[in-house]
PDB file of N, CA and C in Angstrom:
ATOM      1  N   MET A   1     109.672   7.581  27.690  1.00  0.00           N
ATOM      2  CA  MET A   1     108.300   8.153  27.950  1.00  0.00           C
ATOM      3  C   MET A   1     107.530   7.364  28.900  1.00  0.00           C
ATOM      4  N   ALA A   2     106.893   7.767  29.912  1.00  0.00           N
ATOM      5  CA  ALA A   2     106.298   6.853  30.849  1.00  0.00           C
ATOM      6  C   ALA A   2     104.912   7.096  30.144  1.00  0.00           C
ATOM      7  N   ARG A   3     103.702   6.038  30.180  1.00  0.00           N
ATOM      8  CA  ARG A   3     102.756   6.146  29.424  1.00  0.00           C
ATOM      9  C   ARG A   3     101.528   6.199  30.489  1.00  0.00           C
ATOM     10  N   GLU A   4     100.496   7.190  30.617  1.00  0.00           N
ATOM     11  CA  GLU A   4      99.710   7.285  31.365  1.00  0.00           C
ATOM     12  C   GLU A   4      99.043   6.087  31.555  1.00  0.00           C
ATOM     13  N   ILE A   5      98.709   5.555  32.525  1.00  0.00           N
ATOM     14  CA  ILE A   5      98.121   4.373  32.888  1.00  0.00           C
ATOM     15  C   ILE A   5      96.360   4.471  33.404  1.00  0.00           C
ATOM     16  N   GLU A   6      95.492   4.594  32.386  1.00  0.00           N
ATOM     17  CA  GLU A   6      94.275   4.994  31.798  1.00  0.00           C
ATOM     18  C   GLU A   6      93.494   3.979  33.188  1.00  0.00           C
ATOM     19  N   LYS A   7      92.653   4.737  33.847  1.00  0.00           N
ATOM     20  CA  LYS A   7      91.694   3.918  34.840  1.00  0.00           C
ATOM     21  C   LYS A   7      90.510   3.662  34.317  1.00  0.00           C
ATOM     22  N   LYS A   8      89.931   2.481  34.833  1.00  0.00           N
ATOM     23  CA  LYS A   8      88.948   2.153  34.342  1.00  0.00           C
ATOM     24  C   LYS A   8      87.609   2.573  34.999  1.00  0.00           C
ATOM     25  N   PRO A   9      86.970   2.800  34.489  1.00  0.00           N
ATOM     26  CA  PRO A   9      85.178   3.267  34.414  1.00  0.00           C
ATOM     27  C   PRO A   9      84.350   2.969  36.151  1.00  0.00           C
ATOM     28  N   ARG A  10      84.188   3.938  36.875  1.00  0.00           N
ATOM     29  CA  ARG A  10      83.769   3.188  38.472  1.00  0.00           C
ATOM     30  C   ARG A  10      82.564   2.402  37.381  1.00  0.00           C
ATOM     31  N   ARG A  11      81.767   1.321  38.509  1.00  0.00           N
ATOM     32  CA  ARG A  11      80.655   1.234  38.144  1.00  0.00           C
ATOM     33  C   ARG A  11      79.323   2.072  38.477  1.00  0.00           C
ATOM     34  N   VAL A  12      78.684   1.836  37.600  1.00  0.00           N
ATOM     35  CA  VAL A  12      77.190   2.863  37.828  1.00  0.00           C
ATOM     36  C   VAL A  12      76.074   2.150  37.692  1.00  0.00           C
ATOM     37  N   SER A  13      75.557   2.427  38.973  1.00  0.00           N
ATOM     38  CA  SER A  13      74.149   1.105  39.237  1.00  0.00           C
ATOM     39  C   SER A  13      72.893   1.839  38.351  1.00  0.00           C
ATOM     40  N   ASP A  14      71.961   0.788  38.551  1.00  0.00           N
ATOM     41  CA  ASP A  14      71.301   2.146  37.534  1.00  0.00           C
ATOM     42  C   ASP A  14      70.312   2.746  38.393  1.00  0.00           C
ATOM     43  N   ALA A  15      70.004   2.695  39.544  1.00  0.00           N
ATOM     44  CA  ALA A  15      69.472   3.786  40.422  1.00  0.00           C
ATOM     45  C   ALA A  15      70.409   4.994  40.214  1.00  0.00           C
ATOM     46  N   GLU A  16      71.155   4.973  40.119  1.00  0.00           N
ATOM     47  CA  GLU A  16      72.032   6.125  39.478  1.00  0.00           C
ATOM     48  C   GLU A  16      72.139   6.791  38.518  1.00  0.00           C
ATOM     49  N   VAL A  17      71.815   6.179  37.494  1.00  0.00           N
ATOM     50  CA  VAL A  17      71.469   6.591  35.779  1.00  0.00           C
ATOM     51  C   VAL A  17      69.609   6.991  35.946  1.00  0.00           C
ATOM     52  N   TYR A  18      68.918   6.266  36.715  1.00  0.00           N
ATOM     53  CA  TYR A  18      67.340   6.396  36.588  1.00  0.00           C
ATOM     54  C   TYR A  18      67.559   8.241  37.405  1.00  0.00           C
ATOM     55  N   ASP A  19      68.258   8.196  38.458  1.00  0.00           N
ATOM     56  CA  ASP A  19      67.989   9.353  39.642  1.00  0.00           C
ATOM     57  C   ASP A  19      68.243  10.895  38.671  1.00  0.00           C
ATOM     58  N   THR A  20      69.750  10.129  38.122  1.00  0.00           N
ATOM     59  CA  THR A  20      70.339  11.445  37.137  1.00  0.00           C
ATOM     60  C   THR A  20      69.128  12.046  36.315  1.00  0.00           C
ATOM     61  N   ILE A  21      68.606  11.106  35.219  1.00  0.00           N
ATOM     62  CA  ILE A  21      68.281  11.223  34.646  1.00  0.00           C
ATOM     63  C   ILE A  21      67.083  11.764  34.803  1.00  0.00           C
ATOM     64  N   ILE A  22      66.345  11.316  35.800  1.00  0.00           N
ATOM     65  CA  ILE A  22      65.052  12.209  36.363  1.00  0.00           C
ATOM     66  C   ILE A  22      65.225  13.507  36.948  1.00  0.00           C
ATOM     67  N   GLY A  23      66.469  13.500  37.455  1.00  0.00           N
ATOM     68  CA  GLY A  23      66.592  15.075  38.249  1.00  0.00           C
ATOM     69  C   GLY A  23      66.663  15.640  37.219  1.00  0.00           C
ATOM     70  N   MET A  24      67.958  15.731  36.319  1.00  0.00           N
ATOM     71  CA  MET A  24      68.239  16.606  35.681  1.00  0.00           C
ATOM     72  C   MET A  24      67.186  17.404  34.450  1.00  0.00           C
ATOM     73  N   CYS A  25      65.928  16.071  34.494  1.00  0.00           N
ATOM     74  CA  CYS A  25      64.845  16.572  33.234  1.00  0.00           C
ATOM     75  C   CYS A  25      64.022  17.200  34.274  1.00  0.00           C
ATOM     76  N   ARG A  26      63.683  16.532  35.383  1.00  0.00           N
ATOM     77  CA  ARG A  26      63.007  18.161  36.850  1.00  0.00           C
ATOM     78  C   ARG A  26      63.828  19.630  36.761  1.00  0.00           C
ATOM     79  N   GLU A  27      64.879  19.352  36.847  1.00  0.00           N
ATOM     80  CA  GLU A  27      65.499  20.491  36.710  1.00  0.00           C
ATOM     81  C   GLU A  27      65.697  21.591  35.189  1.00  0.00           C
ATOM     82  N   ALA A  28      65.403  21.099  34.270  1.00  0.00           N
ATOM     83  CA  ALA A  28      65.247  21.311  33.256  1.00  0.00           C
ATOM     84  C   ALA A  28      63.330  21.770  33.091  1.00  0.00           C
ATOM     85  N   GLY A  29      62.892  21.699  34.047  1.00  0.00           N
ATOM     86  CA  GLY A  29      61.086  21.877  33.997  1.00  0.00           C
ATOM     87  C   GLY A  29      60.808  21.294  33.058  1.00  0.00           C
ATOM     88  N   PRO A  30      59.169  21.089  32.670  1.00  0.00           N
ATOM     89  CA  PRO A  30      58.366  20.292  31.506  1.00  0.00           C
ATOM     90  C   PRO A  30      58.491  21.259  30.450  1.00  0.00           C
ATOM     91  N   GLU A  31      59.150  22.544  30.609  1.00  0.00           N
ATOM     92  CA  GLU A  31      59.283  23.507  28.977  1.00  0.00           C
ATOM     93  C   GLU A  31      60.601  22.862  28.380  1.00  0.00           C
ATOM     94  N   GLY A  32      61.563  22.727  29.302  1.00  0.00           N
ATOM     95  CA  GLY A  32      62.857  22.419  29.320  1.00  0.00           C
ATOM     96  C   GLY A  32      63.117  20.835  28.808  1.00  0.00           C
ATOM     97  N   SER A  33      64.228  20.874  28.180  1.00  0.00           N
ATOM     98  CA  SER A  33      64.711  19.064  27.781  1.00  0.00           C
ATOM     99  C   SER A  33      66.199  19.092  28.180  1.00  0.00           C
ATOM    100  N   VAL A  34      66.637  17.721  28.311  1.00  0.00           N
ATOM    101  CA  VAL A  34      68.163  18.032  28.918  1.00  0.00           C
ATOM    102  C   VAL A  34      68.655  16.515  27.193  1.00  0.00           C
ATOM    103  N   ARG A  35      69.938  16.628  27.342  1.00  0.00           N
ATOM    104  CA  ARG A  35      70.192  15.695  26.213  1.00  0.00           C
ATOM    105  C   ARG A  35      70.912  14.401  26.723  1.00  0.00           C
ATOM    106  N   PRO A  36      70.392  13.201  26.256  1.00  0.00           N
ATOM    107  CA  PRO A  36      71.443  12.322  26.257  1.00  0.00           C
ATOM    108  C   PRO A  36      72.839  12.074  27.198  1.00  0.00           C
ATOM    109  N   GLU A  37      73.248  12.714  26.291  1.00  0.00           N
ATOM    110  CA  GLU A  37      74.941  13.041  26.282  1.00  0.00           C
ATOM    111  C   GLU A  37      75.005  13.716  27.414  1.00  0.00           C
ATOM    112  N   ASP A  38      74.621  14.698  27.850  1.00  0.00           N
ATOM    113  CA  ASP A  38      74.450  15.626  29.210  1.00  0.00           C
ATOM    114  C   ASP A  38      74.473  14.847  30.609  1.00  0.00           C
ATOM    115  N   VAL A  39      73.736  13.784  30.627  1.00  0.00           N
ATOM    116  CA  VAL A  39      72.642  13.171  31.240  1.00  0.00           C
ATOM    117  C   VAL A  39      74.526  12.106  31.688  1.00  0.00           C
ATOM    118  N   ALA A  40      74.813  11.922  30.488  1.00  0.00           N
ATOM    119  CA  ALA A  40      76.031  10.629  30.881  1.00  0.00           C
ATOM    120  C   ALA A  40      77.093  11.202  31.198  1.00  0.00           C
ATOM    121  N   ARG A  41      77.799  12.710  30.936  1.00  0.00           N
ATOM    122  CA  ARG A  41      78.627  13.208  31.242  1.00  0.00           C
ATOM    123  C   ARG A  41      78.649  13.831  32.791  1.00  0.00           C
ATOM    124  N   ALA A  42      77.150  13.402  33.268  1.00  0.00           N
ATOM    125  CA  ALA A  42      77.372  13.975  34.978  1.00  0.00           C
ATOM    126  C   ALA A  42      77.352  12.419  35.215  1.00  0.00           C
ATOM    127  N   ILE A  43      76.837  11.951  35.166  1.00  0.00           N
ATOM    128  CA  ILE A  43      77.602  10.791  35.474  1.00  0.00           C
ATOM    129  C   ILE A  43      78.784   9.830  35.800  1.00  0.00           C
ATOM    130  N   LEU A  44      79.081  10.187  34.262  1.00  0.00           N
ATOM    131  CA  LEU A  44      79.848   9.633  34.341  1.00  0.00           C
ATOM    132  C   LEU A  44      81.716  10.669  33.303  1.00  0.00           C
ATOM    133  N   PRO A  45      81.850  11.726  34.220  1.00  0.00           N
ATOM    134  CA  PRO A  45      82.550  12.539  32.919  1.00  0.00           C
ATOM    135  C   PRO A  45      83.581  12.319  32.017  1.00  0.00           C
ATOM    136  N   GLU A  46      84.328  11.178  32.336  1.00  0.00           N
ATOM    137  CA  GLU A  46      85.557  11.099  31.909  1.00  0.00           C
ATOM    138  C   GLU A  46      85.323   9.601  30.821  1.00  0.00           C
ATOM    139  N   HIS A  47      84.420   8.920  30.695  1.00  0.00           N
ATOM    140  CA  HIS A  47      83.814   7.571  30.411  1.00  0.00           C
ATOM    141  C   HIS A  47      82.583   7.980  30.192  1.00  0.00           C
ATOM    142  N   TRP A  48      81.906   9.012  29.937  1.00  0.00           N
ATOM    143  CA  TRP A  48      80.706   9.161  29.579  1.00  0.00           C
ATOM    144  C   TRP A  48      79.528   8.104  28.333  1.00  0.00           C
ATOM    145  N   ARG A  49      80.722   8.196  26.846  1.00  0.00           N
ATOM    146  CA  ARG A  49      79.978   7.216  26.035  1.00  0.00           C
ATOM    147  C   ARG A  49      79.798   5.823  26.190  1.00  0.00           C
ATOM    148  N   THR A  50      80.584   5.413  28.134  1.00  0.00           N
ATOM    149  CA  THR A  50      80.256   4.044  28.437  1.00  0.00           C
ATOM    150  C   THR A  50      78.775   3.805  28.616  1.00  0.00           C
ATOM    151  N   VAL A  51      77.984   4.873  29.315  1.00  0.00           N
ATOM    152  CA  VAL A  51      76.945   5.067  29.895  1.00  0.00           C
ATOM    153  C   VAL A  51      75.847   5.663  28.702  1.00  0.00           C
ATOM    154  N   LEU A  52      75.992   5.669  28.094  1.00  0.00           N
ATOM    155  CA  LEU A  52      75.109   6.396  27.026  1.00  0.00           C
ATOM    156  C   LEU A  52      73.708   5.302  26.903  1.00  0.00           C
ATOM    157  N   LYS A  53      74.445   4.553  26.381  1.00  0.00           N
ATOM    158  CA  LYS A  53      73.596   3.138  25.804  1.00  0.00           C
ATOM    159  C   LYS A  53      72.561   2.841  26.689  1.00  0.00           C
ATOM    160  N   ARG A  54      72.940   3.028  28.539  1.00  0.00           N
ATOM    161  CA  ARG A  54      72.081   2.739  29.258  1.00  0.00           C
ATOM    162  C   ARG A  54      71.299   3.947  29.863  1.00  0.00           C
ATOM    163  N   VAL A  55      71.458   5.341  29.446  1.00  0.00           N
ATOM    164  CA  VAL A  55      70.761   6.621  29.368  1.00  0.00           C
ATOM    165  C   VAL A  55      69.733   6.171  28.460  1.00  0.00           C
ATOM    166  N   ARG A  56      69.855   6.307  27.223  1.00  0.00           N
ATOM    167  CA  ARG A  56      68.785   5.487  26.271  1.00  0.00           C
ATOM    168  C   ARG A  56      67.976   4.817  26.504  1.00  0.00           C
ATOM    169  N   LEU A  57      68.215   3.541  26.766  1.00  0.00           N
ATOM    170  CA  LEU A  57      67.628   2.173  27.508  1.00  0.00           C
ATOM    171  C   LEU A  57      66.676   2.948  28.511  1.00  0.00           C
ATOM    172  N   PHE A  58      67.209   3.565  29.229  1.00  0.00           N
ATOM    173  CA  PHE A  58      66.363   3.984  30.547  1.00  0.00           C
ATOM    174  C   PHE A  58      65.486   4.873  30.452  1.00  0.00           C
ATOM    175  N   SER A  59      65.568   5.829  29.555  1.00  0.00           N
ATOM    176  CA  SER A  59      65.461   7.018  29.324  1.00  0.00           C
ATOM    177  C   SER A  59      64.002   6.473  28.521  1.00  0.00           C
ATOM    178  N   LYS A  60      64.134   5.364  27.467  1.00  0.00           N
ATOM    179  CA  LYS A  60      62.986   4.309  26.558  1.00  0.00           C
ATOM    180  C   LYS A  60      61.936   3.832  28.061  1.00  0.00           C
ATOM    181  N   LYS A  61      62.519   3.438  28.704  1.00  0.00           N
ATOM    182  CA  LYS A  61      61.233   2.660  29.741  1.00  0.00           C
ATOM    183  C   LYS A  61      61.109   3.740  30.559  1.00  0.00           C
ATOM    184  N   LEU A  62      61.762   5.057  30.679  1.00  0.00           N
ATOM    185  CA  LEU A  62      60.550   5.974  31.536  1.00  0.00           C
ATOM    186  C   LEU A  62      59.686   6.727  30.280  1.00  0.00           C
ATOM    187  N   ALA A  63      59.654   7.025  29.355  1.00  0.00           N
ATOM    188  CA  ALA A  63      59.052   7.326  28.689  1.00  0.00           C
ATOM    189  C   ALA A  63      57.945   6.534  27.918  1.00  0.00           C
ATOM    190  N   GLN A  64      57.892   4.874  27.985  1.00  0.00           N
ATOM    191  CA  GLN A  64      56.762   4.103  28.098  1.00  0.00           C
ATOM    192  C   GLN A  64      56.217   3.938  29.509  1.00  0.00           C
ATOM    193  N   ASN A  65      56.491   4.558  30.673  1.00  0.00           N
ATOM    194  CA  ASN A  65      55.942   4.610  31.738  1.00  0.00           C
ATOM    195  C   ASN A  65      55.456   5.997  31.950  1.00  0.00           C
ATOM    196  N   GLY A  66      55.640   6.826  30.818  1.00  0.00           N
ATOM    197  CA  GLY A  66      54.491   8.211  31.050  1.00  0.00           C
ATOM    198  C   GLY A  66      55.259   9.347  31.695  1.00  0.00           C
ATOM    199  N   ARG A  67      57.028   8.881  32.119  1.00  0.00           N
ATOM    200  CA  ARG A  67      57.592   9.911  33.307  1.00  0.00           C
ATOM    201  C   ARG A  67      58.285  10.743  31.974  1.00  0.00           C
ATOM    202  N   LEU A  68      58.962  10.996  31.021  1.00  0.00           N
ATOM    203  CA  LEU A  68      59.565  11.475  30.129  1.00  0.00           C
ATOM    204  C   LEU A  68      58.913  11.393  28.451  1.00  0.00           C
ATOM    205  N   THR A  69      59.213  12.638  27.882  1.00  0.00           N
ATOM    206  CA  THR A  69      58.871  12.229  26.314  1.00  0.00           C
ATOM    207  C   THR A  69      60.159  12.475  26.104  1.00  0.00           C
ATOM    208  N   ILE A  70      60.238  11.442  25.080  1.00  0.00           N
ATOM    209  CA  ILE A  70      61.787  11.598  24.011  1.00  0.00           C
ATOM    210  C   ILE A  70      61.725  12.290  22.735  1.00  0.00           C
ATOM    211  N   LEU A  71      61.684  13.176  22.304  1.00  0.00           N
ATOM    212  CA  LEU A  71      61.555  14.470  21.383  1.00  0.00           C
ATOM    213  C   LEU A  71      62.936  14.000  20.717  1.00  0.00           C
ATOM    214  N   ARG A  72      62.230  14.283  19.165  1.00  0.00           N
ATOM    215  CA  ARG A  72      62.929  14.061  17.853  1.00  0.00           C
ATOM    216  C   ARG A  72      62.998  15.429  17.548  1.00  0.00           C
ATOM    217  N   LYS A  73      63.875  16.161  16.815  1.00  0.00           N
ATOM    218  CA  LYS A  73      63.413  17.746  15.636  1.00  0.00           C
ATOM    219  C   LYS A  73      62.485  18.567  17.033  1.00  0.00           C
ATOM    220  N   GLY A  74      62.125  18.167  17.857  1.00  0.00           N
ATOM    221  CA  GLY A  74      61.495  19.256  19.019  1.00  0.00           C
ATOM    222  C   GLY A  74      60.195  18.286  18.897  1.00  0.00           C
ATOM    223  N   GLN A  75      59.883  17.455  18.375  1.00  0.00           N
ATOM    224  CA  GLN A  75      58.243  16.654  18.624  1.00  0.00           C
ATOM    225  C   GLN A  75      58.557  15.486  18.847  1.00  0.00           C
ATOM    226  N   PRO A  76      57.751  15.124  20.153  1.00  0.00           N
ATOM    227  CA  PRO A  76      57.170  13.860  20.348  1.00  0.00           C
ATOM    228  C   PRO A  76      57.707  12.765  19.697  1.00  0.00           C
ATOM    229  N   ALA A  77      58.575  11.654  20.031  1.00  0.00           N
ATOM    230  CA  ALA A  77      59.026  10.680  19.273  1.00  0.00           C
ATOM    231  C   ALA A  77      58.106   9.309  20.055  1.00  0.00           C
ATOM    232  N   ASP A  78      57.768   8.121  19.536  1.00  0.00           N
ATOM    233  CA  ASP A  78      57.423   7.158  19.894  1.00  0.00           C
ATOM    234  C   ASP A  78      58.846   6.329  20.588  1.00  0.00           C
ATOM    235  N   PRO A  79      58.401   6.156  21.667  1.00  0.00           N
ATOM    236  CA  PRO A  79      59.861   5.437  22.888  1.00  0.00           C
ATOM    237  C   PRO A  79      60.196   3.703  22.200  1.00  0.00           C
ATOM    238  N   ASP A  80      59.402   3.402  20.958  1.00  0.00           N
ATOM    239  CA  ASP A  80      59.616   2.087  20.696  1.00  0.00           C
ATOM    240  C   ASP A  80      60.544   2.267  19.142  1.00  0.00           C
ATOM    241  N   GLU A  81      60.378   3.631  18.696  1.00  0.00           N
ATOM    242  CA  GLU A  81      60.885   3.687  17.380  1.00  0.00           C
ATOM    243  C   GLU A  81      61.968   4.302  16.991  1.00  0.00           C
ATOM    244  N   PHE A  82      62.549   5.103  18.409  1.00  0.00           N
ATOM    245  CA  PHE A  82      62.826   6.746  18.069  1.00  0.00           C
ATOM    246  C   PHE A  82      64.251   6.509  17.664  1.00  0.00           C
ATOM    247  N   LYS A  83      65.088   7.122  17.623  1.00  0.00           N
ATOM    248  CA  LYS A  83      66.330   6.499  16.732  1.00  0.00           C
ATOM    249  C   LYS A  83      67.456   8.150  16.526  1.00  0.00           C
ATOM    250  N   GLY A  84      68.936   7.815  16.429  1.00  0.00           N
ATOM    251  CA  GLY A  84      69.527   9.595  16.142  1.00  0.00           C
ATOM    252  C   GLY A  84      69.466  10.079  17.251  1.00  0.00           C
ATOM    253  N   LEU A  85      69.774  11.531  16.900  1.00  0.00           N
ATOM    254  CA  LEU A  85      69.619  12.900  18.228  1.00  0.00           C
ATOM    255  C   LEU A  85      68.349  12.963  18.663  1.00  0.00           C
ATOM    256  N   ILE A  86      68.235  12.657  19.565  1.00  0.00           N
ATOM    257  CA  ILE A  86      66.842  12.900  20.721  1.00  0.00           C
ATOM    258  C   ILE A  86      67.589  13.763  22.145  1.00  0.00           C
ATOM    259  N   ARG A  87      66.462  14.640  22.733  1.00  0.00           N
ATOM    260  CA  ARG A  87      66.202  14.830  23.873  1.00  0.00           C
ATOM    261  C   ARG A  87      64.971  14.684  25.029  1.00  0.00           C
ATOM    262  N   LEU A  88      65.185  14.643  25.847  1.00  0.00           N
ATOM    263  CA  LEU A  88      64.466  14.245  27.261  1.00  0.00           C
ATOM    264  C   LEU A  88      64.015  15.220  27.726  1.00  0.00           C
ATOM    265  N   GLN A  89      62.222  14.694  28.143  1.00  0.00           N
ATOM    266  CA  GLN A  89      61.420  16.038  28.692  1.00  0.00           C
ATOM    267  C   GLN A  89      60.473  15.334  29.568  1.00  0.00           C
ATOM    268  N   ILE A  90      60.216  16.135  30.563  1.00  0.00           N
ATOM    269  CA  ILE A  90      59.927  15.586  31.956  1.00  0.00           C
ATOM    270  C   ILE A  90      58.024  15.458  31.410  1.00  0.00           C
ATOM    271  N   THR A  91      57.582  14.713  32.165  1.00  0.00           N
ATOM    272  CA  THR A  91      56.387  14.583  32.049  1.00  0.00           C
ATOM    273  C   THR A  91      55.577  15.250  33.483  1.00  0.00           C
ATOM    274  N   GLU A  92      54.542  15.758  33.594  1.00  0.00           N
ATOM    275  CA  GLU A  92      53.665  15.801  34.870  1.00  0.00           C
ATOM    276  C   GLU A  92      53.920  14.997  35.801  1.00  0.00           C
ATOM    277  N   ARG A  93      53.538  13.710  35.654  1.00  0.00           N
ATOM    278  CA  ARG A  93      53.520  12.731  36.056  1.00  0.00           C
ATOM    279  C   ARG A  93      55.005  12.120  36.364  1.00  0.00           C
ATOM    280  N   GLY A  94      56.542  12.465  35.792  1.00  0.00           N
ATOM    281  CA  GLY A  94      57.363  12.319  36.167  1.00  0.00           C
ATOM    282  C   GLY A  94      58.051  13.277  37.200  1.00  0.00           C
ATOM    283  N   MET A  95      57.294  14.597  37.187  1.00  0.00           N
ATOM    284  CA  MET A  95      57.522  15.684  37.999  1.00  0.00           C
ATOM    285  C   MET A  95      57.253  15.532  39.782  1.00  0.00           C
ATOM    286  N   VAL A  96      56.214  14.693  39.806  1.00  0.00           N
ATOM    287  CA  VAL A  96      55.844  13.637  41.127  1.00  0.00           C
ATOM    288  C   VAL A  96      56.295  12.651  41.391  1.00  0.00           C
ATOM    289  N   ASP A  97      55.577  11.563  40.130  1.00  0.00           N
ATOM    290  CA  ASP A  97      55.998  10.253  41.037  1.00  0.00           C
ATOM    291  C   ASP A  97      57.493   9.879  41.682  1.00  0.00           C
ATOM    292  N   GLU A  98      57.391   8.759  42.455  1.00  0.00           N
ATOM    293  CA  GLU A  98      58.915   8.285  42.576  1.00  0.00           C
ATOM    294  C   GLU A  98      59.546   7.339  41.672  1.00  0.00           C
ATOM    295  N   VAL A  99      60.978   7.396  41.076  1.00  0.00           N
ATOM    296  CA  VAL A  99      61.440   6.299  39.994  1.00  0.00           C
ATOM    297  C   VAL A  99      61.405   5.060  41.020  1.00  0.00           C
ATOM    298  N   GLU A 100      61.102   3.910  40.292  1.00  0.00           N
ATOM    299  CA  GLU A 100      61.592   2.696  41.303  1.00  0.00           C
ATOM    300  C   GLU A 100      62.113   1.685  39.871  1.00  0.00           C
ATOM    301  N   GLU A 101      63.479   1.117  40.322  1.00  0.00           N
ATOM    302  CA  GLU A 101      64.548   0.701  39.496  1.00  0.00           C
ATOM    303  C   GLU A 101      63.927  -0.524  38.506  1.00  0.00           C
ATOM    304  N   SER A 102      63.177  -1.684  39.311  1.00  0.00           N
ATOM    305  CA  SER A 102      62.328  -2.147  38.422  1.00  0.00           C
ATOM    306  C   SER A 102      61.469  -2.450  37.114  1.00  0.00           C
ATOM    307  N   GLU A 103      61.576  -0.444  37.311  1.00  0.00           N
ATOM    308  CA  GLU A 103      60.374  -0.265  36.052  1.00  0.00           C
ATOM    309  C   GLU A 103      61.380  -0.396  34.710  1.00  0.00           C
TER     310      GLU A 103
END
């Protein structure tokens, strides 16, 4: 039996991660939220786990800059202290601000 050769995941830029987080959160709106896992799957469906840590890290940065709220059990969580299952919610600032990679 021939073994299938597993393809390496493609490289994902920081800009793509930021843009996908903000885009999906904006689409969900200020009353909705998205899971980091869903953002990672949108970026790299077959290898989403390889980008999940970056999605969570960049979400933390966006929350520290006031563009996102990190929700834990439906309540806002401190971006410097959260762990476990979370959801991401866009803020009013996040709806209008442009995101720069360097932030």
